Amino acid sequence: MALAQENNLTVVINFFLLGFQGGEPLRLFLFCLLLVIYCGTIYGNLLIITLVSTSKNLHTPMYFFISQLSISDILLSTNIAPKMLHILLNNGGTISFADCIAQFYFFGAIEAFECFLLSVMSYDRYVAICNPLRYSSIMTSASCVKLTAISWFLGISLVLVYTITTSMLTFCEPYVINHFFCDYVPLLENVCSDTSMVQLEIYLLSIPLVIAPSSIIIVSYGNVISTILRIPTNTGRQKAFSTCSSHLTVVSIFYWTIFSVYVFPTRGQTLIISKILSLLYTMFTPLINPMIYSLRNKDIRKAIQEISKKQKSRTVRKMI
């Protein structure tokens, strides 16, 4: 339970999430839209996970990592969407300090995991294109599981550092968070104690959390592009690029939204724009990711067709 000192009395903190303030028609429209997006996110990512786990053609390192990305997208949306939908219906809503810190932590941990996972996926594409003869010996099932476990461990442990420090800060009235979830900047606006320590921690942790993964991605794709350009035929270049185009698209969307909010925010950026950008990486990106991989990937489209045929044949057999 979080406590604050005010006039020598100990009081329990409950934050009030403002969400998207507006008329009832607007809030109902947003509620319906985001509910559809959330349901689509769960369905799309569960479909990817099911396909990868059941189709033998998809039992490869790349698809294993894609299924892990789908798991993290489901967790991210589920961490944000239910409370957001609730406050949309009620034009705001309270959240306890413990729930707020928990949401803040899980959001950070999942985003950190995705940063590490995307860098692992870029390394996978680097090995596949730049060193194809050794791909099967380097990217074994055991190494894929280890790389994923390390990504989860780093995301969970590193984010815990500044989450604990944030939870120990002193918060002051009116305990209002002008956002639809407990994000870093809106949360710290309620702090009336010194925040230099948590800001220093986040600054230092940005090196392993953001700079290192993005550097791995840049170096990996720099080598990948260099290798592709040396392929003599257009058909060979297109085939090589098609194996990493989906991942490159996901990486671009992910880092563009994250950097636009936290690293290079636009001058004069209003709260509404900040909330819209936050919606992009908390709700829309988890929805778009399975679409990108399914629409632009022949193997996944083929697996969907095979499952559809099996379902039709089962239905026909039952009818007979």
C-alpha atoms as a PDB file:
ATOM      1  CA  MET A   1       0.000   0.000   0.000  1.00  0.00           C
ATOM      2  CA  ALA A   2       1.404   3.403  -0.969  1.00  0.00           C
ATOM      3  CA  LEU A   3       1.414   6.141   1.627  1.00  0.00           C
ATOM      4  CA  ALA A   4       1.901   9.922   1.503  1.00  0.00           C
ATOM      5  CA  GLN A   5       2.687  12.326   4.318  1.00  0.00           C
ATOM      6  CA  GLU A   6       0.395  15.350   4.530  1.00  0.00           C
ATOM      7  CA  ASN A   7       0.055  17.462   7.705  1.00  0.00           C
ATOM      8  CA  ASN A   8       1.703  14.631   9.651  1.00  0.00           C
ATOM      9  CA  LEU A   9      -1.168  12.310   8.685  1.00  0.00           C
ATOM     10  CA  THR A  10      -0.808   9.157   6.654  1.00  0.00           C
ATOM     11  CA  VAL A  11      -3.294   8.875   3.790  1.00  0.00           C
ATOM     12  CA  VAL A  12      -3.901   6.264   1.121  1.00  0.00           C
ATOM     13  CA  ILE A  13      -3.248   7.425  -2.451  1.00  0.00           C
ATOM     14  CA  ASN A  14      -5.739   6.771  -5.219  1.00  0.00           C
ATOM     15  CA  PHE A  15      -4.938   8.347  -8.573  1.00  0.00           C
ATOM     16  CA  PHE A  16      -7.620   9.603 -10.941  1.00  0.00           C
ATOM     17  CA  LEU A  17      -6.991   8.791 -14.599  1.00  0.00           C
ATOM     18  CA  LEU A  18      -8.555  11.432 -16.836  1.00  0.00           C
ATOM     19  CA  GLY A  19      -8.281   9.431 -20.058  1.00  0.00           C
ATOM     20  CA  PHE A  20      -9.825  11.157 -23.075  1.00  0.00           C
ATOM     21  CA  GLN A  21     -12.037  13.960 -21.857  1.00  0.00           C
ATOM     22  CA  GLY A  22     -14.939  14.896 -24.118  1.00  0.00           C
ATOM     23  CA  GLY A  23     -18.607  14.495 -24.836  1.00  0.00           C
ATOM     24  CA  GLU A  24     -20.368  11.163 -24.426  1.00  0.00           C
ATOM     25  CA  PRO A  25     -20.716  10.504 -28.204  1.00  0.00           C
ATOM     26  CA  LEU A  26     -16.944  10.903 -28.677  1.00  0.00           C
ATOM     27  CA  ARG A  27     -16.137   8.660 -25.728  1.00  0.00           C
ATOM     28  CA  LEU A  28     -18.588   5.987 -26.904  1.00  0.00           C
ATOM     29  CA  PHE A  29     -17.050   6.102 -30.373  1.00  0.00           C
ATOM     30  CA  LEU A  30     -13.549   5.712 -28.926  1.00  0.00           C
ATOM     31  CA  PHE A  31     -14.766   2.926 -26.644  1.00  0.00           C
ATOM     32  CA  CYS A  32     -16.244   0.946 -29.558  1.00  0.00           C
ATOM     33  CA  LEU A  33     -13.205   1.589 -31.772  1.00  0.00           C
ATOM     34  CA  LEU A  34     -10.653   0.585 -29.138  1.00  0.00           C
ATOM     35  CA  LEU A  35     -12.718  -2.431 -28.055  1.00  0.00           C
ATOM     36  CA  VAL A  36     -12.714  -3.684 -31.667  1.00  0.00           C
ATOM     37  CA  ILE A  37      -8.961  -3.014 -31.890  1.00  0.00           C
ATOM     38  CA  TYR A  38      -8.326  -4.874 -28.620  1.00  0.00           C
ATOM     39  CA  CYS A  39     -10.397  -7.880 -29.724  1.00  0.00           C
ATOM     40  CA  GLY A  40      -8.658  -7.841 -33.110  1.00  0.00           C
ATOM     41  CA  THR A  41      -5.270  -7.710 -31.380  1.00  0.00           C
ATOM     42  CA  ILE A  42      -6.063 -10.728 -29.212  1.00  0.00           C
ATOM     43  CA  TYR A  43      -7.479 -12.703 -32.149  1.00  0.00           C
ATOM     44  CA  GLY A  44      -4.678 -11.832 -34.574  1.00  0.00           C
ATOM     45  CA  ASN A  45      -1.839 -12.573 -32.178  1.00  0.00           C
ATOM     46  CA  LEU A  46      -3.461 -15.778 -30.885  1.00  0.00           C
ATOM     47  CA  LEU A  47      -3.788 -16.860 -34.517  1.00  0.00           C
ATOM     48  CA  ILE A  48      -0.053 -16.291 -35.060  1.00  0.00           C
ATOM     49  CA  ILE A  49       0.804 -18.237 -31.888  1.00  0.00           C
ATOM     50  CA  THR A  50      -1.516 -21.099 -32.891  1.00  0.00           C
ATOM     51  CA  LEU A  51      -0.132 -21.270 -36.434  1.00  0.00           C
ATOM     52  CA  VAL A  52       3.486 -21.305 -35.266  1.00  0.00           C
ATOM     53  CA  SER A  53       2.828 -23.990 -32.659  1.00  0.00           C
ATOM     54  CA  THR A  54       0.767 -26.302 -34.906  1.00  0.00           C
ATOM     55  CA  SER A  55       2.273 -25.908 -38.394  1.00  0.00           C
ATOM     56  CA  LYS A  56       5.505 -27.854 -38.935  1.00  0.00           C
ATOM     57  CA  ASN A  57       6.546 -25.492 -41.726  1.00  0.00           C
ATOM     58  CA  LEU A  58       6.692 -22.669 -39.185  1.00  0.00           C
ATOM     59  CA  HIS A  59       8.940 -24.469 -36.690  1.00  0.00           C
ATOM     60  CA  THR A  60      11.898 -22.201 -37.436  1.00  0.00           C
ATOM     61  CA  PRO A  61      13.757 -19.588 -35.341  1.00  0.00           C
ATOM     62  CA  MET A  62      12.175 -16.636 -37.156  1.00  0.00           C
ATOM     63  CA  TYR A  63       8.612 -17.814 -36.496  1.00  0.00           C
ATOM     64  CA  PHE A  64       9.456 -18.753 -32.921  1.00  0.00           C
ATOM     65  CA  PHE A  65      10.512 -15.141 -32.329  1.00  0.00           C
ATOM     66  CA  ILE A  66       7.381 -13.889 -34.105  1.00  0.00           C
ATOM     67  CA  SER A  67       5.234 -15.968 -31.722  1.00  0.00           C
ATOM     68  CA  GLN A  68       7.105 -14.449 -28.758  1.00  0.00           C
ATOM     69  CA  LEU A  69       6.407 -10.986 -30.162  1.00  0.00           C
ATOM     70  CA  SER A  70       2.723 -11.918 -30.377  1.00  0.00           C
ATOM     71  CA  ILE A  71       2.749 -13.007 -26.725  1.00  0.00           C
ATOM     72  CA  SER A  72       4.250  -9.672 -25.664  1.00  0.00           C
ATOM     73  CA  ASP A  73       1.699  -7.765 -27.800  1.00  0.00           C
ATOM     74  CA  ILE A  74      -1.169  -9.590 -26.078  1.00  0.00           C
ATOM     75  CA  LEU A  75       0.303  -8.824 -22.652  1.00  0.00           C
ATOM     76  CA  LEU A  76       0.882  -5.164 -23.533  1.00  0.00           C
ATOM     77  CA  SER A  77      -2.668  -4.609 -24.791  1.00  0.00           C
ATOM     78  CA  THR A  78      -4.203  -6.478 -21.852  1.00  0.00           C
ATOM     79  CA  ASN A  79      -2.166  -4.373 -19.432  1.00  0.00           C
ATOM     80  CA  ILE A  80      -3.563  -1.141 -20.899  1.00  0.00           C
ATOM     81  CA  ALA A  81      -6.921  -1.765 -22.623  1.00  0.00           C
ATOM     82  CA  PRO A  82      -9.308  -2.962 -19.858  1.00  0.00           C
ATOM     83  CA  LYS A  83      -8.685   0.031 -17.583  1.00  0.00           C
ATOM     84  CA  MET A  84      -8.671   2.429 -20.534  1.00  0.00           C
ATOM     85  CA  LEU A  85     -12.048   1.145 -21.736  1.00  0.00           C
ATOM     86  CA  HIS A  86     -13.434   1.502 -18.213  1.00  0.00           C
ATOM     87  CA  ILE A  87     -12.382   5.138 -17.883  1.00  0.00           C
ATOM     88  CA  LEU A  88     -13.747   5.916 -21.355  1.00  0.00           C
ATOM     89  CA  LEU A  89     -17.208   4.733 -20.283  1.00  0.00           C
ATOM     90  CA  ASN A  90     -17.043   6.661 -17.006  1.00  0.00           C
ATOM     91  CA  ASN A  91     -15.257   9.805 -18.254  1.00  0.00           C
ATOM     92  CA  GLY A  92     -12.304   9.015 -16.006  1.00  0.00           C
ATOM     93  CA  GLY A  93     -11.694   6.584 -13.183  1.00  0.00           C
ATOM     94  CA  THR A  94      -9.666   5.924 -10.066  1.00  0.00           C
ATOM     95  CA  ILE A  95      -6.752   3.539  -9.821  1.00  0.00           C
ATOM     96  CA  SER A  96      -4.971   2.581  -6.616  1.00  0.00           C
ATOM     97  CA  PHE A  97      -1.300   3.410  -6.193  1.00  0.00           C
ATOM     98  CA  ALA A  98      -0.365  -0.290  -6.188  1.00  0.00           C
ATOM     99  CA  ASP A  99      -2.300  -0.946  -9.415  1.00  0.00           C
ATOM    100  CA  CYS A 100      -0.819   2.164 -11.015  1.00  0.00           C
ATOM    101  CA  ILE A 101       2.758   1.150 -10.184  1.00  0.00           C
ATOM    102  CA  ALA A 102       2.036  -2.411 -11.350  1.00  0.00           C
ATOM    103  CA  GLN A 103       0.684  -1.124 -14.670  1.00  0.00           C
ATOM    104  CA  PHE A 104       3.678   1.219 -14.977  1.00  0.00           C
ATOM    105  CA  TYR A 105       6.081  -1.671 -14.328  1.00  0.00           C
ATOM    106  CA  PHE A 106       4.506  -4.254 -16.644  1.00  0.00           C
ATOM    107  CA  PHE A 107       4.224  -1.688 -19.429  1.00  0.00           C
ATOM    108  CA  GLY A 108       7.943  -0.873 -19.111  1.00  0.00           C
ATOM    109  CA  ALA A 109       8.985  -4.523 -18.800  1.00  0.00           C
ATOM    110  CA  ILE A 110       7.033  -5.598 -21.900  1.00  0.00           C
ATOM    111  CA  GLU A 111       8.313  -2.669 -23.967  1.00  0.00           C
ATOM    112  CA  ALA A 112      11.878  -3.424 -22.840  1.00  0.00           C
ATOM    113  CA  PHE A 113      11.436  -7.089 -23.775  1.00  0.00           C
ATOM    114  CA  GLU A 114      10.245  -6.083 -27.240  1.00  0.00           C
ATOM    115  CA  CYS A 115      13.331  -3.882 -27.682  1.00  0.00           C
ATOM    116  CA  PHE A 116      15.587  -6.845 -26.884  1.00  0.00           C
ATOM    117  CA  LEU A 117      13.501  -9.296 -28.934  1.00  0.00           C
ATOM    118  CA  LEU A 118      13.542  -7.073 -32.026  1.00  0.00           C
ATOM    119  CA  SER A 119      17.329  -6.857 -31.774  1.00  0.00           C
ATOM    120  CA  VAL A 120      17.514 -10.666 -31.487  1.00  0.00           C
ATOM    121  CA  MET A 121      15.267 -10.972 -34.553  1.00  0.00           C
ATOM    122  CA  SER A 122      17.527  -8.597 -36.494  1.00  0.00           C
ATOM    123  CA  TYR A 123      20.533 -10.751 -35.544  1.00  0.00           C
ATOM    124  CA  ASP A 124      18.606 -13.807 -36.758  1.00  0.00           C
ATOM    125  CA  ARG A 125      18.060 -12.122 -40.146  1.00  0.00           C
ATOM    126  CA  TYR A 126      21.733 -11.101 -40.230  1.00  0.00           C
ATOM    127  CA  VAL A 127      22.880 -14.699 -39.751  1.00  0.00           C
ATOM    128  CA  ALA A 128      20.311 -16.020 -42.262  1.00  0.00           C
ATOM    129  CA  ILE A 129      21.387 -13.647 -45.039  1.00  0.00           C
ATOM    130  CA  CYS A 130      25.049 -12.911 -44.297  1.00  0.00           C
ATOM    131  CA  ASN A 131      26.095 -16.341 -43.014  1.00  0.00           C
ATOM    132  CA  PRO A 132      23.510 -18.817 -44.365  1.00  0.00           C
ATOM    133  CA  LEU A 133      25.775 -21.883 -44.280  1.00  0.00           C
ATOM    134  CA  ARG A 134      26.143 -21.631 -40.502  1.00  0.00           C
ATOM    135  CA  TYR A 135      22.562 -20.529 -39.802  1.00  0.00           C
ATOM    136  CA  SER A 136      21.267 -23.922 -38.641  1.00  0.00           C
ATOM    137  CA  SER A 137      24.252 -24.430 -36.310  1.00  0.00           C
ATOM    138  CA  ILE A 138      24.070 -20.922 -34.801  1.00  0.00           C
ATOM    139  CA  MET A 139      20.301 -20.441 -34.473  1.00  0.00           C
ATOM    140  CA  THR A 140      19.455 -23.766 -32.843  1.00  0.00           C
ATOM    141  CA  SER A 141      16.264 -24.349 -30.852  1.00  0.00           C
ATOM    142  CA  ALA A 142      18.241 -24.143 -27.601  1.00  0.00           C
ATOM    143  CA  SER A 143      19.901 -20.866 -28.548  1.00  0.00           C
ATOM    144  CA  CYS A 144      16.546 -19.354 -29.559  1.00  0.00           C
ATOM    145  CA  VAL A 145      15.017 -20.270 -26.196  1.00  0.00           C
ATOM    146  CA  LYS A 146      18.068 -18.877 -24.368  1.00  0.00           C
ATOM    147  CA  LEU A 147      17.994 -15.593 -26.299  1.00  0.00           C
ATOM    148  CA  THR A 148      14.267 -15.190 -25.590  1.00  0.00           C
ATOM    149  CA  ALA A 149      14.713 -16.037 -21.886  1.00  0.00           C
ATOM    150  CA  ILE A 150      17.558 -13.519 -21.615  1.00  0.00           C
ATOM    151  CA  SER A 151      15.380 -10.869 -23.284  1.00  0.00           C
ATOM    152  CA  TRP A 152      12.570 -11.487 -20.785  1.00  0.00           C
ATOM    153  CA  PHE A 153      15.000 -11.493 -17.847  1.00  0.00           C
ATOM    154  CA  LEU A 154      16.660  -8.211 -18.885  1.00  0.00           C
ATOM    155  CA  GLY A 155      13.319  -6.517 -19.500  1.00  0.00           C
ATOM    156  CA  ILE A 156      11.854  -7.646 -16.178  1.00  0.00           C
ATOM    157  CA  SER A 157      14.933  -6.911 -14.054  1.00  0.00           C
ATOM    158  CA  LEU A 158      16.148  -3.593 -15.528  1.00  0.00           C
ATOM    159  CA  VAL A 159      12.737  -1.909 -15.462  1.00  0.00           C
ATOM    160  CA  LEU A 160      12.279  -3.052 -11.854  1.00  0.00           C
ATOM    161  CA  VAL A 161      15.148  -0.744 -10.821  1.00  0.00           C
ATOM    162  CA  TYR A 162      13.488   2.576 -11.657  1.00  0.00           C
ATOM    163  CA  THR A 163      10.000   1.234 -10.804  1.00  0.00           C
ATOM    164  CA  ILE A 164      11.060   0.652  -7.192  1.00  0.00           C
ATOM    165  CA  THR A 165      12.605   4.133  -7.014  1.00  0.00           C
ATOM    166  CA  THR A 166       9.439   5.683  -8.455  1.00  0.00           C
ATOM    167  CA  SER A 167       7.243   3.870  -5.923  1.00  0.00           C
ATOM    168  CA  MET A 168       9.284   5.398  -3.077  1.00  0.00           C
ATOM    169  CA  LEU A 169       8.696   9.002  -4.198  1.00  0.00           C
ATOM    170  CA  THR A 170       6.315  11.337  -2.367  1.00  0.00           C
ATOM    171  CA  PHE A 171       3.131  12.091  -4.268  1.00  0.00           C
ATOM    172  CA  CYS A 172       0.938  15.121  -3.644  1.00  0.00           C
ATOM    173  CA  GLU A 173      -2.645  16.103  -4.295  1.00  0.00           C
ATOM    174  CA  PRO A 174      -4.708  16.272  -6.429  1.00  0.00           C
ATOM    175  CA  TYR A 175      -3.358  12.844  -7.575  1.00  0.00           C
ATOM    176  CA  VAL A 176      -4.675  13.358 -11.103  1.00  0.00           C
ATOM    177  CA  ILE A 177      -2.974  11.629 -14.060  1.00  0.00           C
ATOM    178  CA  ASN A 178      -3.847  13.317 -17.339  1.00  0.00           C
ATOM    179  CA  HIS A 179      -3.465  10.156 -19.398  1.00  0.00           C
ATOM    180  CA  PHE A 180      -5.261   6.858 -20.051  1.00  0.00           C
ATOM    181  CA  PHE A 181      -2.646   4.765 -18.223  1.00  0.00           C
ATOM    182  CA  CYS A 182       0.125   5.225 -15.663  1.00  0.00           C
ATOM    183  CA  ASP A 183       2.922   6.401 -17.903  1.00  0.00           C
ATOM    184  CA  TYR A 184       6.268   7.800 -16.771  1.00  0.00           C
ATOM    185  CA  VAL A 185       5.866  11.556 -17.453  1.00  0.00           C
ATOM    186  CA  PRO A 186       2.199  11.951 -16.315  1.00  0.00           C
ATOM    187  CA  LEU A 187       2.955   9.948 -13.160  1.00  0.00           C
ATOM    188  CA  LEU A 188       5.944  12.105 -12.197  1.00  0.00           C
ATOM    189  CA  GLU A 189       3.816  15.249 -12.547  1.00  0.00           C
ATOM    190  CA  ASN A 190       2.189  14.217  -9.235  1.00  0.00           C
ATOM    191  CA  VAL A 191       5.529  13.983  -7.418  1.00  0.00           C
ATOM    192  CA  CYS A 192       6.464  16.705  -4.950  1.00  0.00           C
ATOM    193  CA  SER A 193       9.810  15.211  -3.874  1.00  0.00           C
ATOM    194  CA  ASP A 194      13.149  15.151  -5.672  1.00  0.00           C
ATOM    195  CA  THR A 195      12.967  13.109  -8.895  1.00  0.00           C
ATOM    196  CA  SER A 196      16.630  13.441  -9.874  1.00  0.00           C
ATOM    197  CA  MET A 197      17.461   9.870  -8.797  1.00  0.00           C
ATOM    198  CA  VAL A 198      14.758   8.194 -10.889  1.00  0.00           C
ATOM    199  CA  GLN A 199      15.587  10.435 -13.862  1.00  0.00           C
ATOM    200  CA  LEU A 200      19.262   9.486 -13.554  1.00  0.00           C
ATOM    201  CA  GLU A 201      18.346   5.791 -13.379  1.00  0.00           C
ATOM    202  CA  ILE A 202      16.190   6.018 -16.480  1.00  0.00           C
ATOM    203  CA  TYR A 203      18.923   7.951 -18.291  1.00  0.00           C
ATOM    204  CA  LEU A 204      21.547   5.316 -17.427  1.00  0.00           C
ATOM    205  CA  LEU A 205      19.220   2.378 -18.114  1.00  0.00           C
ATOM    206  CA  SER A 206      18.393   3.791 -21.542  1.00  0.00           C
ATOM    207  CA  ILE A 207      21.846   2.574 -22.624  1.00  0.00           C
ATOM    208  CA  PRO A 208      21.067  -1.171 -22.231  1.00  0.00           C
ATOM    209  CA  LEU A 209      17.313  -0.742 -22.823  1.00  0.00           C
ATOM    210  CA  VAL A 210      17.266   1.430 -25.945  1.00  0.00           C
ATOM    211  CA  ILE A 211      20.696   2.368 -27.285  1.00  0.00           C
ATOM    212  CA  ALA A 212      22.219  -1.140 -27.234  1.00  0.00           C
ATOM    213  CA  PRO A 213      19.256  -2.925 -28.922  1.00  0.00           C
ATOM    214  CA  SER A 214      18.826  -0.192 -31.540  1.00  0.00           C
ATOM    215  CA  SER A 215      22.581  -0.285 -32.253  1.00  0.00           C
ATOM    216  CA  ILE A 216      22.421  -4.053 -32.801  1.00  0.00           C
ATOM    217  CA  ILE A 217      19.495  -3.562 -35.197  1.00  0.00           C
ATOM    218  CA  ILE A 218      21.302  -0.813 -37.149  1.00  0.00           C
ATOM    219  CA  VAL A 219      24.546  -2.811 -37.434  1.00  0.00           C
ATOM    220  CA  SER A 220      22.693  -6.031 -38.355  1.00  0.00           C
ATOM    221  CA  TYR A 221      20.628  -4.412 -41.082  1.00  0.00           C
ATOM    222  CA  GLY A 222      23.608  -2.419 -42.308  1.00  0.00           C
ATOM    223  CA  ASN A 223      25.353  -5.734 -43.004  1.00  0.00           C
ATOM    224  CA  VAL A 224      22.159  -7.277 -44.379  1.00  0.00           C
ATOM    225  CA  ILE A 225      21.617  -4.437 -46.871  1.00  0.00           C
ATOM    226  CA  SER A 226      25.291  -4.525 -47.869  1.00  0.00           C
ATOM    227  CA  THR A 227      25.048  -8.283 -48.526  1.00  0.00           C
ATOM    228  CA  ILE A 228      21.790  -7.958 -50.480  1.00  0.00           C
ATOM    229  CA  LEU A 229      23.248  -5.248 -52.729  1.00  0.00           C
ATOM    230  CA  ARG A 230      26.110  -7.579 -53.654  1.00  0.00           C
ATOM    231  CA  ILE A 231      23.707 -10.249 -54.941  1.00  0.00           C
ATOM    232  CA  PRO A 232      24.084 -10.185 -58.747  1.00  0.00           C
ATOM    233  CA  THR A 233      20.466 -10.859 -59.800  1.00  0.00           C
ATOM    234  CA  ASN A 234      17.322  -8.807 -59.126  1.00  0.00           C
ATOM    235  CA  THR A 235      15.400 -11.980 -58.277  1.00  0.00           C
ATOM    236  CA  GLY A 236      17.998 -12.958 -55.679  1.00  0.00           C
ATOM    237  CA  ARG A 237      17.978  -9.494 -54.130  1.00  0.00           C
ATOM    238  CA  GLN A 238      14.164  -9.430 -53.925  1.00  0.00           C
ATOM    239  CA  LYS A 239      14.046 -12.903 -52.392  1.00  0.00           C
ATOM    240  CA  ALA A 240      16.670 -12.006 -49.774  1.00  0.00           C
ATOM    241  CA  PHE A 241      14.985  -8.703 -48.896  1.00  0.00           C
ATOM    242  CA  SER A 242      11.545 -10.347 -48.611  1.00  0.00           C
ATOM    243  CA  THR A 243      12.818 -12.495 -45.715  1.00  0.00           C
ATOM    244  CA  CYS A 244      13.470  -9.418 -43.557  1.00  0.00           C
ATOM    245  CA  SER A 245      11.060  -6.783 -44.921  1.00  0.00           C
ATOM    246  CA  SER A 246       8.260  -7.633 -42.452  1.00  0.00           C
ATOM    247  CA  HIS A 247      10.577  -7.421 -39.464  1.00  0.00           C
ATOM    248  CA  LEU A 248      12.100  -4.179 -40.729  1.00  0.00           C
ATOM    249  CA  THR A 249       8.599  -2.695 -41.037  1.00  0.00           C
ATOM    250  CA  VAL A 250       7.697  -3.723 -37.467  1.00  0.00           C
ATOM    251  CA  VAL A 251      10.990  -2.310 -36.140  1.00  0.00           C
ATOM    252  CA  SER A 252      10.414   1.009 -37.942  1.00  0.00           C
ATOM    253  CA  ILE A 253       6.883   1.416 -36.557  1.00  0.00           C
ATOM    254  CA  PHE A 254       7.919   0.399 -33.030  1.00  0.00           C
ATOM    255  CA  TYR A 255      10.908   2.724 -32.745  1.00  0.00           C
ATOM    256  CA  TRP A 256       9.221   5.629 -34.523  1.00  0.00           C
ATOM    257  CA  THR A 257       6.367   5.695 -32.004  1.00  0.00           C
ATOM    258  CA  ILE A 258       8.618   5.134 -28.964  1.00  0.00           C
ATOM    259  CA  PHE A 259      11.182   7.757 -30.004  1.00  0.00           C
ATOM    260  CA  SER A 260       8.495  10.319 -30.889  1.00  0.00           C
ATOM    261  CA  VAL A 261       7.042  10.134 -27.364  1.00  0.00           C
ATOM    262  CA  TYR A 262      10.055   9.567 -25.097  1.00  0.00           C
ATOM    263  CA  VAL A 263      13.258  10.461 -26.930  1.00  0.00           C
ATOM    264  CA  PHE A 264      12.489  13.230 -29.412  1.00  0.00           C
ATOM    265  CA  PRO A 265       9.100  14.714 -28.458  1.00  0.00           C
ATOM    266  CA  THR A 266       7.904  17.464 -30.774  1.00  0.00           C
ATOM    267  CA  ARG A 267       8.200  20.988 -29.408  1.00  0.00           C
ATOM    268  CA  GLY A 268       4.862  22.235 -28.206  1.00  0.00           C
ATOM    269  CA  GLN A 269       3.482  18.709 -28.302  1.00  0.00           C
ATOM    270  CA  THR A 270       0.025  18.873 -26.699  1.00  0.00           C
ATOM    271  CA  LEU A 271      -1.384  16.324 -24.293  1.00  0.00           C
ATOM    272  CA  ILE A 272      -3.850  15.178 -26.945  1.00  0.00           C
ATOM    273  CA  ILE A 273      -1.046  14.473 -29.449  1.00  0.00           C
ATOM    274  CA  SER A 274       0.932  12.696 -26.721  1.00  0.00           C
ATOM    275  CA  LYS A 275      -2.078  10.487 -25.927  1.00  0.00           C
ATOM    276  CA  ILE A 276      -2.650   9.716 -29.608  1.00  0.00           C
ATOM    277  CA  LEU A 277       1.007   8.736 -30.051  1.00  0.00           C
ATOM    278  CA  SER A 278       0.727   6.587 -26.925  1.00  0.00           C
ATOM    279  CA  LEU A 279      -2.302   4.873 -28.456  1.00  0.00           C
ATOM    280  CA  LEU A 280      -0.198   4.014 -31.498  1.00  0.00           C
ATOM    281  CA  TYR A 281       2.321   1.895 -29.605  1.00  0.00           C
ATOM    282  CA  THR A 282      -0.010   0.524 -26.911  1.00  0.00           C
ATOM    283  CA  MET A 283      -3.025  -0.397 -29.071  1.00  0.00           C
ATOM    284  CA  PHE A 284      -2.429  -0.015 -32.811  1.00  0.00           C
ATOM    285  CA  THR A 285       1.077  -1.496 -33.077  1.00  0.00           C
ATOM    286  CA  PRO A 286       0.079  -4.798 -31.376  1.00  0.00           C
ATOM    287  CA  LEU A 287      -2.821  -4.981 -33.865  1.00  0.00           C
ATOM    288  CA  ILE A 288      -0.682  -4.161 -36.917  1.00  0.00           C
ATOM    289  CA  ASN A 289       2.173  -6.570 -36.136  1.00  0.00           C
ATOM    290  CA  PRO A 290       0.272  -9.816 -36.896  1.00  0.00           C
ATOM    291  CA  MET A 291      -1.215  -8.190 -39.999  1.00  0.00           C
ATOM    292  CA  ILE A 292       2.233  -7.320 -41.319  1.00  0.00           C
ATOM    293  CA  TYR A 293       3.566 -10.820 -40.749  1.00  0.00           C
ATOM    294  CA  SER A 294       0.472 -12.592 -42.110  1.00  0.00           C
ATOM    295  CA  LEU A 295      -0.159 -10.408 -45.160  1.00  0.00           C
ATOM    296  CA  ARG A 296       3.477 -10.181 -46.267  1.00  0.00           C
ATOM    297  CA  ASN A 297       4.521 -13.738 -45.428  1.00  0.00           C
ATOM    298  CA  LYS A 298       3.777 -16.609 -47.791  1.00  0.00           C
ATOM    299  CA  ASP A 299       4.470 -19.296 -45.170  1.00  0.00           C
ATOM    300  CA  ILE A 300       1.922 -17.887 -42.728  1.00  0.00           C
ATOM    301  CA  ARG A 301      -0.672 -17.386 -45.469  1.00  0.00           C
ATOM    302  CA  LYS A 302      -0.090 -20.978 -46.538  1.00  0.00           C
ATOM    303  CA  ALA A 303      -0.491 -22.203 -42.930  1.00  0.00           C
ATOM    304  CA  ILE A 304      -3.785 -20.283 -42.647  1.00  0.00           C
ATOM    305  CA  GLN A 305      -5.029 -21.883 -45.854  1.00  0.00           C
ATOM    306  CA  GLU A 306      -4.064 -25.362 -44.624  1.00  0.00           C
ATOM    307  CA  ILE A 307      -5.911 -24.873 -41.340  1.00  0.00           C
ATOM    308  CA  SER A 308      -8.961 -23.550 -43.233  1.00  0.00           C
ATOM    309  CA  LYS A 309      -8.952 -26.632 -45.484  1.00  0.00           C
ATOM    310  CA  LYS A 310      -8.697 -28.940 -42.471  1.00  0.00           C
ATOM    311  CA  GLN A 311     -11.610 -27.151 -40.796  1.00  0.00           C
ATOM    312  CA  LYS A 312     -13.726 -27.445 -43.953  1.00  0.00           C
ATOM    313  CA  SER A 313     -12.938 -31.149 -44.324  1.00  0.00           C
ATOM    314  CA  ARG A 314     -13.842 -31.767 -40.674  1.00  0.00           C
ATOM    315  CA  THR A 315     -17.104 -29.895 -41.129  1.00  0.00           C
ATOM    316  CA  VAL A 316     -17.944 -31.947 -44.249  1.00  0.00           C
ATOM    317  CA  ARG A 317     -17.175 -35.209 -42.414  1.00  0.00           C
ATOM    318  CA  LYS A 318     -19.468 -34.232 -39.538  1.00  0.00           C
ATOM    319  CA  MET A 319     -22.258 -33.393 -41.968  1.00  0.00           C
ATOM    320  CA  ILE A 320     -21.824 -36.774 -43.689  1.00  0.00           C
END
